[in-house]
Amino acid sequence: MDLSIENLDRMSPEEERQFMERFDAMLAEEDDSAAREHLAAGQPIYYREQDTPPGHVIKKHSDGRKDLVDFSTGEERFVAPLPV
């Protein structure tokens, strides 16, 4: 299976783990200038941290709020607010 975000809802647990490892590695290579520009334009950004639960990402809003969200259904689903 193609391990792309479009297929996340159809991945086995092992494929999802591999996808998240690749996703984390890609994020680590990026500088944050595009993210800062996106936030400055009023748009949220999505990212993961070491302790982000599998299958989840952090959504940071332009006002600084953070939410834990899940995309396992193919749609963004709010899980919980996170401390800022």
Protein backbone atom coordinates (compact mmCIF):
# COMPACT_ATOMS: atom_id res chain seq x y z
CA MET A 1 0.00 0.00 0.00
CA ASP A 2 1.09 3.56 -0.70
CA LEU A 3 1.93 4.99 2.72
CA SER A 4 0.45 8.43 2.07
CA ILE A 5 -1.89 10.44 4.28
CA GLU A 6 -4.75 9.76 1.86
CA ASN A 7 -4.52 6.06 2.77
CA LEU A 8 -4.15 6.51 6.52
CA ASP A 9 -7.64 5.17 7.28
CA ARG A 10 -6.92 1.93 5.38
CA MET A 11 -3.48 1.20 6.87
CA SER A 12 -2.73 -1.70 9.16
CA PRO A 13 -1.27 -0.76 12.55
CA GLU A 14 2.22 -1.59 11.25
CA GLU A 15 1.75 0.49 8.09
CA GLU A 16 0.43 3.39 10.19
CA ARG A 17 3.51 3.14 12.45
CA GLN A 18 5.78 3.26 9.39
CA PHE A 19 3.85 6.22 7.97
CA MET A 20 4.15 8.14 11.25
CA GLU A 21 7.91 7.45 11.43
CA ARG A 22 8.35 8.82 7.89
CA PHE A 23 6.06 11.76 8.63
CA ASP A 24 8.06 12.63 11.76
CA ALA A 25 11.35 12.39 9.82
CA MET A 26 10.03 14.69 7.08
CA LEU A 27 8.91 17.24 9.65
CA ALA A 28 12.28 17.15 11.40
CA GLU A 29 14.01 18.08 8.12
CA GLU A 30 11.86 21.16 7.48
CA ASP A 31 12.64 24.61 8.79
CA ASP A 32 9.71 26.37 10.40
CA SER A 33 9.50 29.43 8.13
CA ALA A 34 6.54 28.07 6.14
CA ALA A 35 4.73 27.16 9.36
CA ARG A 36 5.30 30.64 10.80
CA GLU A 37 4.00 32.22 7.58
CA HIS A 38 0.94 29.98 7.62
CA LEU A 39 0.15 30.91 11.25
CA ALA A 40 0.72 34.61 10.51
CA ALA A 41 -1.86 34.32 7.71
CA GLY A 42 -4.41 33.02 10.23
CA GLN A 43 -4.24 29.37 9.14
CA PRO A 44 -3.61 26.42 11.49
CA ILE A 45 -0.62 24.09 11.17
CA TYR A 46 -0.38 20.38 11.95
CA TYR A 47 2.59 18.59 13.47
CA ARG A 48 3.66 15.78 15.79
CA GLU A 49 5.90 15.64 18.84
CA GLN A 50 7.73 12.67 20.35
CA ASP A 51 4.88 11.97 22.77
CA THR A 52 1.97 12.52 20.36
CA PRO A 53 -0.20 9.39 20.46
CA PRO A 54 -0.05 7.15 17.38
CA GLY A 55 -2.58 8.13 14.73
CA HIS A 56 -2.92 11.67 16.07
CA VAL A 57 -1.45 15.07 15.23
CA ILE A 58 -1.36 18.43 16.96
CA LYS A 59 -3.30 21.26 15.36
CA LYS A 60 -1.90 24.66 16.32
CA HIS A 61 -4.16 27.64 15.67
CA SER A 62 -2.92 31.12 14.76
CA ASP A 63 -4.01 32.39 18.20
CA GLY A 64 -1.72 29.83 19.91
CA ARG A 65 -4.36 27.28 20.93
CA LYS A 66 -3.47 23.63 20.36
CA ASP A 67 -5.75 20.65 19.81
CA LEU A 68 -5.11 16.94 19.53
CA VAL A 69 -6.80 15.70 16.35
CA ASP A 70 -7.27 12.35 14.65
CA PHE A 71 -7.43 11.71 10.89
CA SER A 72 -7.97 7.93 11.05
CA THR A 73 -11.42 8.23 9.45
CA GLY A 74 -10.06 10.35 6.61
CA GLU A 75 -11.67 13.43 8.16
CA GLU A 76 -10.25 15.65 10.88
CA ARG A 77 -11.75 14.73 14.26
CA PHE A 78 -11.16 16.84 17.40
CA VAL A 79 -9.92 14.70 20.31
CA ALA A 80 -8.93 17.13 23.09
CA PRO A 81 -7.54 20.58 23.78
CA LEU A 82 -3.83 20.68 24.67
CA PRO A 83 -2.04 23.02 27.06
CA VAL A 84 -0.37 25.99 25.39
